[in-house]
Amino acid sequence: LDRNKEEKEWGLIDGLGLISIALASYFGSYLAETIGFVYLLRVSSLVFLLSTLPLLLTLPRLRKYIL
C-alpha cells in the first residue's frame, strides 16, 4: 500500500472483489440455466481440481521447507 493512499487502494480492491462476485453469480446462473445445474457443478469441480495441479507439481520442491 502506498502512503496516504490506503483508503483509495483498499476501496479499489474491495470494489473489484464485489464486481467479481457479481459477475461470477451472473455467469454461473446463466450457465446453470443453459447447460444444467448438475453439469455446471461437474465442470466447476473439474476446474477446481485442475487449479490445484500446479501446487501438487511443486510439492516435492516444497517438502524440504515443510519437513
PDB file of N, CA and C in Angstrom:
ATOM      1  N   LEU A   1       0.833  -1.179   0.000  1.00  0.00           N
ATOM      2  CA  LEU A   1       0.000   0.000   0.000  1.00  0.00           C
ATOM      3  C   LEU A   1       0.878   1.243   0.000  1.00  0.00           C
ATOM      4  N   ASP A   2       0.464   2.223  -0.751  1.00  0.00           N
ATOM      5  CA  ASP A   2       1.195   3.483  -0.807  1.00  0.00           C
ATOM      6  C   ASP A   2       0.787   4.372   0.355  1.00  0.00           C
ATOM      7  N   ARG A   3       1.751   5.107   0.846  1.00  0.00           N
ATOM      8  CA  ARG A   3       1.471   6.017   1.955  1.00  0.00           C
ATOM      9  C   ARG A   3       0.494   7.104   1.499  1.00  0.00           C
ATOM     10  N   ASN A   4      -0.461   7.407   2.349  1.00  0.00           N
ATOM     11  CA  ASN A   4      -1.501   8.418   2.130  1.00  0.00           C
ATOM     12  C   ASN A   4      -2.475   8.055   1.005  1.00  0.00           C
ATOM     13  N   LYS A   5      -2.443   6.826   0.528  1.00  0.00           N
ATOM     14  CA  LYS A   5      -3.395   6.385  -0.499  1.00  0.00           C
ATOM     15  C   LYS A   5      -4.057   5.066  -0.098  1.00  0.00           C
ATOM     16  N   GLU A   6      -3.990   4.747   1.191  1.00  0.00           N
ATOM     17  CA  GLU A   6      -4.502   3.456   1.645  1.00  0.00           C
ATOM     18  C   GLU A   6      -5.995   3.307   1.395  1.00  0.00           C
ATOM     19  N   GLU A   7      -6.751   4.372   1.685  1.00  0.00           N
ATOM     20  CA  GLU A   7      -8.209   4.282   1.530  1.00  0.00           C
ATOM     21  C   GLU A   7      -8.599   4.037   0.080  1.00  0.00           C
ATOM     22  N   LYS A   8      -7.934   4.717  -0.820  1.00  0.00           N
ATOM     23  CA  LYS A   8      -8.244   4.560  -2.243  1.00  0.00           C
ATOM     24  C   LYS A   8      -7.913   3.145  -2.714  1.00  0.00           C
ATOM     25  N   GLU A   9      -6.761   2.636  -2.290  1.00  0.00           N
ATOM     26  CA  GLU A   9      -6.363   1.296  -2.730  1.00  0.00           C
ATOM     27  C   GLU A   9      -7.256   0.218  -2.120  1.00  0.00           C
ATOM     28  N   TRP A  10      -7.592   0.350  -0.830  1.00  0.00           N
ATOM     29  CA  TRP A  10      -8.495  -0.622  -0.218  1.00  0.00           C
ATOM     30  C   TRP A  10      -9.874  -0.565  -0.861  1.00  0.00           C
ATOM     31  N   GLY A  11     -10.340   0.629  -1.163  1.00  0.00           N
ATOM     32  CA  GLY A  11     -11.637   0.770  -1.826  1.00  0.00           C
ATOM     33  C   GLY A  11     -11.643   0.147  -3.207  1.00  0.00           C
ATOM     34  N   LEU A  12     -10.547   0.330  -3.937  1.00  0.00           N
ATOM     35  CA  LEU A  12     -10.438  -0.251  -5.272  1.00  0.00           C
ATOM     36  C   LEU A  12     -10.416  -1.772  -5.201  1.00  0.00           C
ATOM     37  N   ILE A  13      -9.642  -2.307  -4.269  1.00  0.00           N
ATOM     38  CA  ILE A  13      -9.563  -3.762  -4.127  1.00  0.00           C
ATOM     39  C   ILE A  13     -10.918  -4.331  -3.717  1.00  0.00           C
ATOM     40  N   ASP A  14     -11.575  -3.681  -2.759  1.00  0.00           N
ATOM     41  CA  ASP A  14     -12.877  -4.153  -2.301  1.00  0.00           C
ATOM     42  C   ASP A  14     -13.923  -4.046  -3.408  1.00  0.00           C
ATOM     43  N   GLY A  15     -13.902  -2.958  -4.143  1.00  0.00           N
ATOM     44  CA  GLY A  15     -14.851  -2.781  -5.243  1.00  0.00           C
ATOM     45  C   GLY A  15     -14.665  -3.809  -6.338  1.00  0.00           C
ATOM     46  N   LEU A  16     -13.415  -4.088  -6.686  1.00  0.00           N
ATOM     47  CA  LEU A  16     -13.157  -5.098  -7.717  1.00  0.00           C
ATOM     48  C   LEU A  16     -13.580  -6.487  -7.254  1.00  0.00           C
ATOM     49  N   GLY A  17     -13.401  -6.756  -5.967  1.00  0.00           N
ATOM     50  CA  GLY A  17     -13.852  -8.036  -5.431  1.00  0.00           C
ATOM     51  C   GLY A  17     -15.355  -8.198  -5.519  1.00  0.00           C
ATOM     52  N   LEU A  18     -16.079  -7.130  -5.194  1.00  0.00           N
ATOM     53  CA  LEU A  18     -17.542  -7.192  -5.270  1.00  0.00           C
ATOM     54  C   LEU A  18     -18.032  -7.315  -6.710  1.00  0.00           C
ATOM     55  N   ILE A  19     -17.368  -6.634  -7.637  1.00  0.00           N
ATOM     56  CA  ILE A  19     -17.732  -6.757  -9.052  1.00  0.00           C
ATOM     57  C   ILE A  19     -17.471  -8.180  -9.541  1.00  0.00           C
ATOM     58  N   SER A  20     -16.364  -8.782  -9.099  1.00  0.00           N
ATOM     59  CA  SER A  20     -16.059 -10.164  -9.483  1.00  0.00           C
ATOM     60  C   SER A  20     -17.122 -11.126  -8.975  1.00  0.00           C
ATOM     61  N   ILE A  21     -17.570 -10.918  -7.746  1.00  0.00           N
ATOM     62  CA  ILE A  21     -18.619 -11.775  -7.187  1.00  0.00           C
ATOM     63  C   ILE A  21     -19.914 -11.631  -7.982  1.00  0.00           C
ATOM     64  N   ALA A  22     -20.259 -10.400  -8.337  1.00  0.00           N
ATOM     65  CA  ALA A  22     -21.486 -10.169  -9.103  1.00  0.00           C
ATOM     66  C   ALA A  22     -21.406 -10.817 -10.480  1.00  0.00           C
ATOM     67  N   LEU A  23     -20.269 -10.668 -11.156  1.00  0.00           N
ATOM     68  CA  LEU A  23     -20.118 -11.277 -12.482  1.00  0.00           C
ATOM     69  C   LEU A  23     -20.135 -12.799 -12.402  1.00  0.00           C
ATOM     70  N   ALA A  24     -19.480 -13.361 -11.388  1.00  0.00           N
ATOM     71  CA  ALA A  24     -19.478 -14.813 -11.233  1.00  0.00           C
ATOM     72  C   ALA A  24     -20.888 -15.334 -10.965  1.00  0.00           C
ATOM     73  N   SER A  25     -21.656 -14.606 -10.174  1.00  0.00           N
ATOM     74  CA  SER A  25     -23.044 -15.011  -9.909  1.00  0.00           C
ATOM     75  C   SER A  25     -23.878 -14.972 -11.179  1.00  0.00           C
ATOM     76  N   TYR A  26     -23.694 -13.925 -11.952  1.00  0.00           N
ATOM     77  CA  TYR A  26     -24.461 -13.790 -13.190  1.00  0.00           C
ATOM     78  C   TYR A  26     -24.117 -14.907 -14.171  1.00  0.00           C
ATOM     79  N   PHE A  27     -22.824 -15.112 -14.427  1.00  0.00           N
ATOM     80  CA  PHE A  27     -22.432 -16.130 -15.397  1.00  0.00           C
ATOM     81  C   PHE A  27     -22.730 -17.537 -14.893  1.00  0.00           C
ATOM     82  N   GLY A  28     -22.614 -17.754 -13.584  1.00  0.00           N
ATOM     83  CA  GLY A  28     -22.961 -19.055 -13.030  1.00  0.00           C
ATOM     84  C   GLY A  28     -24.430 -19.379 -13.197  1.00  0.00           C
ATOM     85  N   SER A  29     -25.281 -18.391 -12.944  1.00  0.00           N
ATOM     86  CA  SER A  29     -26.717 -18.639 -13.119  1.00  0.00           C
ATOM     87  C   SER A  29     -27.077 -18.803 -14.591  1.00  0.00           C
ATOM     88  N   TYR A  30     -26.402 -18.061 -15.459  1.00  0.00           N
ATOM     89  CA  TYR A  30     -26.645 -18.205 -16.900  1.00  0.00           C
ATOM     90  C   TYR A  30     -26.246 -19.603 -17.368  1.00  0.00           C
ATOM     91  N   LEU A  31     -25.076 -20.068 -16.935  1.00  0.00           N
ATOM     92  CA  LEU A  31     -24.639 -21.406 -17.332  1.00  0.00           C
ATOM     93  C   LEU A  31     -25.540 -22.484 -16.741  1.00  0.00           C
ATOM     94  N   ALA A  32     -25.982 -22.303 -15.512  1.00  0.00           N
ATOM     95  CA  ALA A  32     -26.892 -23.277 -14.909  1.00  0.00           C
ATOM     96  C   ALA A  32     -28.207 -23.337 -15.673  1.00  0.00           C
ATOM     97  N   GLU A  33     -28.646 -22.196 -16.162  1.00  0.00           N
ATOM     98  CA  GLU A  33     -29.895 -22.152 -16.930  1.00  0.00           C
ATOM     99  C   GLU A  33     -29.735 -22.807 -18.299  1.00  0.00           C
ATOM    100  N   THR A  34     -28.589 -22.610 -18.949  1.00  0.00           N
ATOM    101  CA  THR A  34     -28.426 -23.104 -20.315  1.00  0.00           C
ATOM    102  C   THR A  34     -27.949 -24.551 -20.375  1.00  0.00           C
ATOM    103  N   ILE A  35     -26.975 -24.926 -19.552  1.00  0.00           N
ATOM    104  CA  ILE A  35     -26.422 -26.280 -19.668  1.00  0.00           C
ATOM    105  C   ILE A  35     -26.885 -27.211 -18.562  1.00  0.00           C
ATOM    106  N   GLY A  36     -27.503 -26.685 -17.530  1.00  0.00           N
ATOM    107  CA  GLY A  36     -27.982 -27.516 -16.435  1.00  0.00           C
ATOM    108  C   GLY A  36     -27.092 -27.403 -15.210  1.00  0.00           C
ATOM    109  N   PHE A  37     -27.728 -27.498 -14.056  1.00  0.00           N
ATOM    110  CA  PHE A  37     -27.013 -27.280 -12.808  1.00  0.00           C
ATOM    111  C   PHE A  37     -26.021 -28.396 -12.500  1.00  0.00           C
ATOM    112  N   VAL A  38     -26.403 -29.634 -12.765  1.00  0.00           N
ATOM    113  CA  VAL A  38     -25.520 -30.767 -12.468  1.00  0.00           C
ATOM    114  C   VAL A  38     -24.263 -30.692 -13.318  1.00  0.00           C
ATOM    115  N   TYR A  39     -24.424 -30.374 -14.588  1.00  0.00           N
ATOM    116  CA  TYR A  39     -23.266 -30.258 -15.469  1.00  0.00           C
ATOM    117  C   TYR A  39     -22.374 -29.099 -15.036  1.00  0.00           C
ATOM    118  N   LEU A  40     -22.978 -28.001 -14.595  1.00  0.00           N
ATOM    119  CA  LEU A  40     -22.207 -26.861 -14.109  1.00  0.00           C
ATOM    120  C   LEU A  40     -21.387 -27.245 -12.886  1.00  0.00           C
ATOM    121  N   LEU A  41     -21.965 -28.010 -11.978  1.00  0.00           N
ATOM    122  CA  LEU A  41     -21.219 -28.462 -10.803  1.00  0.00           C
ATOM    123  C   LEU A  41     -20.068 -29.376 -11.196  1.00  0.00           C
ATOM    124  N   ARG A  42     -20.284 -30.229 -12.168  1.00  0.00           N
ATOM    125  CA  ARG A  42     -19.208 -31.113 -12.620  1.00  0.00           C
ATOM    126  C   ARG A  42     -18.070 -30.327 -13.250  1.00  0.00           C
ATOM    127  N   VAL A  43     -18.405 -29.356 -14.084  1.00  0.00           N
ATOM    128  CA  VAL A  43     -17.379 -28.539 -14.737  1.00  0.00           C
ATOM    129  C   VAL A  43     -16.621 -27.710 -13.707  1.00  0.00           C
ATOM    130  N   SER A  44     -17.338 -27.110 -12.757  1.00  0.00           N
ATOM    131  CA  SER A  44     -16.659 -26.294 -11.752  1.00  0.00           C
ATOM    132  C   SER A  44     -15.789 -27.154 -10.841  1.00  0.00           C
ATOM    133  N   SER A  45     -16.203 -28.373 -10.547  1.00  0.00           N
ATOM    134  CA  SER A  45     -15.367 -29.281  -9.759  1.00  0.00           C
ATOM    135  C   SER A  45     -14.105 -29.652 -10.512  1.00  0.00           C
ATOM    136  N   LEU A  46     -14.236 -29.893 -11.802  1.00  0.00           N
ATOM    137  CA  LEU A  46     -13.071 -30.218 -12.617  1.00  0.00           C
ATOM    138  C   LEU A  46     -12.098 -29.044 -12.675  1.00  0.00           C
ATOM    139  N   VAL A  47     -12.618 -27.839 -12.842  1.00  0.00           N
ATOM    140  CA  VAL A  47     -11.759 -26.650 -12.873  1.00  0.00           C
ATOM    141  C   VAL A  47     -11.061 -26.470 -11.530  1.00  0.00           C
ATOM    142  N   PHE A  48     -11.777 -26.703 -10.436  1.00  0.00           N
ATOM    143  CA  PHE A  48     -11.174 -26.593  -9.111  1.00  0.00           C
ATOM    144  C   PHE A  48     -10.050 -27.608  -8.936  1.00  0.00           C
ATOM    145  N   LEU A  49     -10.287 -28.848  -9.339  1.00  0.00           N
ATOM    146  CA  LEU A  49      -9.249 -29.867  -9.203  1.00  0.00           C
ATOM    147  C   LEU A  49      -8.046 -29.569 -10.086  1.00  0.00           C
ATOM    148  N   LEU A  50      -8.279 -29.079 -11.289  1.00  0.00           N
ATOM    149  CA  LEU A  50      -7.169 -28.723 -12.173  1.00  0.00           C
ATOM    150  C   LEU A  50      -6.390 -27.523 -11.650  1.00  0.00           C
ATOM    151  N   SER A  51      -7.051 -26.646 -10.909  1.00  0.00           N
ATOM    152  CA  SER A  51      -6.343 -25.483 -10.375  1.00  0.00           C
ATOM    153  C   SER A  51      -5.376 -25.864  -9.265  1.00  0.00           C
ATOM    154  N   THR A  52      -5.558 -27.028  -8.645  1.00  0.00           N
ATOM    155  CA  THR A  52      -4.619 -27.476  -7.623  1.00  0.00           C
ATOM    156  C   THR A  52      -3.414 -28.192  -8.224  1.00  0.00           C
ATOM    157  N   LEU A  53      -3.458 -28.482  -9.499  1.00  0.00           N
ATOM    158  CA  LEU A  53      -2.370 -29.206 -10.149  1.00  0.00           C
ATOM    159  C   LEU A  53      -1.019 -28.496 -10.045  1.00  0.00           C
ATOM    160  N   PRO A  54      -0.916 -27.190 -10.292  1.00  0.00           N
ATOM    161  CA  PRO A  54       0.395 -26.540 -10.137  1.00  0.00           C
ATOM    162  C   PRO A  54       0.960 -26.668  -8.726  1.00  0.00           C
ATOM    163  N   LEU A  55       0.096 -26.614  -7.708  1.00  0.00           N
ATOM    164  CA  LEU A  55       0.569 -26.784  -6.336  1.00  0.00           C
ATOM    165  C   LEU A  55       1.090 -28.197  -6.118  1.00  0.00           C
ATOM    166  N   LEU A  56       0.384 -29.175  -6.641  1.00  0.00           N
ATOM    167  CA  LEU A  56       0.822 -30.554  -6.470  1.00  0.00           C
ATOM    168  C   LEU A  56       2.115 -30.833  -7.225  1.00  0.00           C
ATOM    169  N   LEU A  57       2.334 -30.153  -8.328  1.00  0.00           N
ATOM    170  CA  LEU A  57       3.570 -30.349  -9.078  1.00  0.00           C
ATOM    171  C   LEU A  57       4.769 -29.726  -8.376  1.00  0.00           C
ATOM    172  N   THR A  58       4.562 -28.689  -7.591  1.00  0.00           N
ATOM    173  CA  THR A  58       5.668 -28.059  -6.879  1.00  0.00           C
ATOM    174  C   THR A  58       5.854 -28.621  -5.484  1.00  0.00           C
ATOM    175  N   LEU A  59       4.998 -29.512  -5.046  1.00  0.00           N
ATOM    176  CA  LEU A  59       5.063 -30.040  -3.695  1.00  0.00           C
ATOM    177  C   LEU A  59       6.385 -30.729  -3.373  1.00  0.00           C
ATOM    178  N   PRO A  60       6.963 -31.578  -4.248  1.00  0.00           N
ATOM    179  CA  PRO A  60       8.252 -32.186  -3.900  1.00  0.00           C
ATOM    180  C   PRO A  60       9.350 -31.149  -3.641  1.00  0.00           C
ATOM    181  N   ARG A  61       9.329 -30.036  -4.345  1.00  0.00           N
ATOM    182  CA  ARG A  61      10.327 -28.998  -4.100  1.00  0.00           C
ATOM    183  C   ARG A  61      10.065 -28.279  -2.783  1.00  0.00           C
ATOM    184  N   LEU A  62       8.809 -28.207  -2.355  1.00  0.00           N
ATOM    185  CA  LEU A  62       8.471 -27.522  -1.116  1.00  0.00           C
ATOM    186  C   LEU A  62       8.618 -28.412   0.105  1.00  0.00           C
ATOM    187  N   ARG A  63       8.704 -29.706  -0.101  1.00  0.00           N
ATOM    188  CA  ARG A  63       8.743 -30.643   1.014  1.00  0.00           C
ATOM    189  C   ARG A  63       9.933 -30.391   1.932  1.00  0.00           C
ATOM    190  N   LYS A  64      11.070 -29.959   1.392  1.00  0.00           N
ATOM    191  CA  LYS A  64      12.244 -29.717   2.234  1.00  0.00           C
ATOM    192  C   LYS A  64      12.025 -28.538   3.179  1.00  0.00           C
ATOM    193  N   TYR A  65      11.125 -27.606   2.818  1.00  0.00           N
ATOM    194  CA  TYR A  65      10.825 -26.484   3.697  1.00  0.00           C
ATOM    195  C   TYR A  65       9.756 -26.833   4.726  1.00  0.00           C
ATOM    196  N   ILE A  66       8.909 -27.803   4.410  1.00  0.00           N
ATOM    197  CA  ILE A  66       7.823 -28.177   5.310  1.00  0.00           C
ATOM    198  C   ILE A  66       8.310 -29.134   6.388  1.00  0.00           C
ATOM    199  N   LEU A  67       9.110 -30.115   5.999  1.00  0.00           N
ATOM    200  CA  LEU A  67       9.554 -31.138   6.957  1.00  0.00           C
ATOM    201  C   LEU A  67      10.798 -30.775   7.659  1.00  0.00           C
TER     202      LEU A  67
END
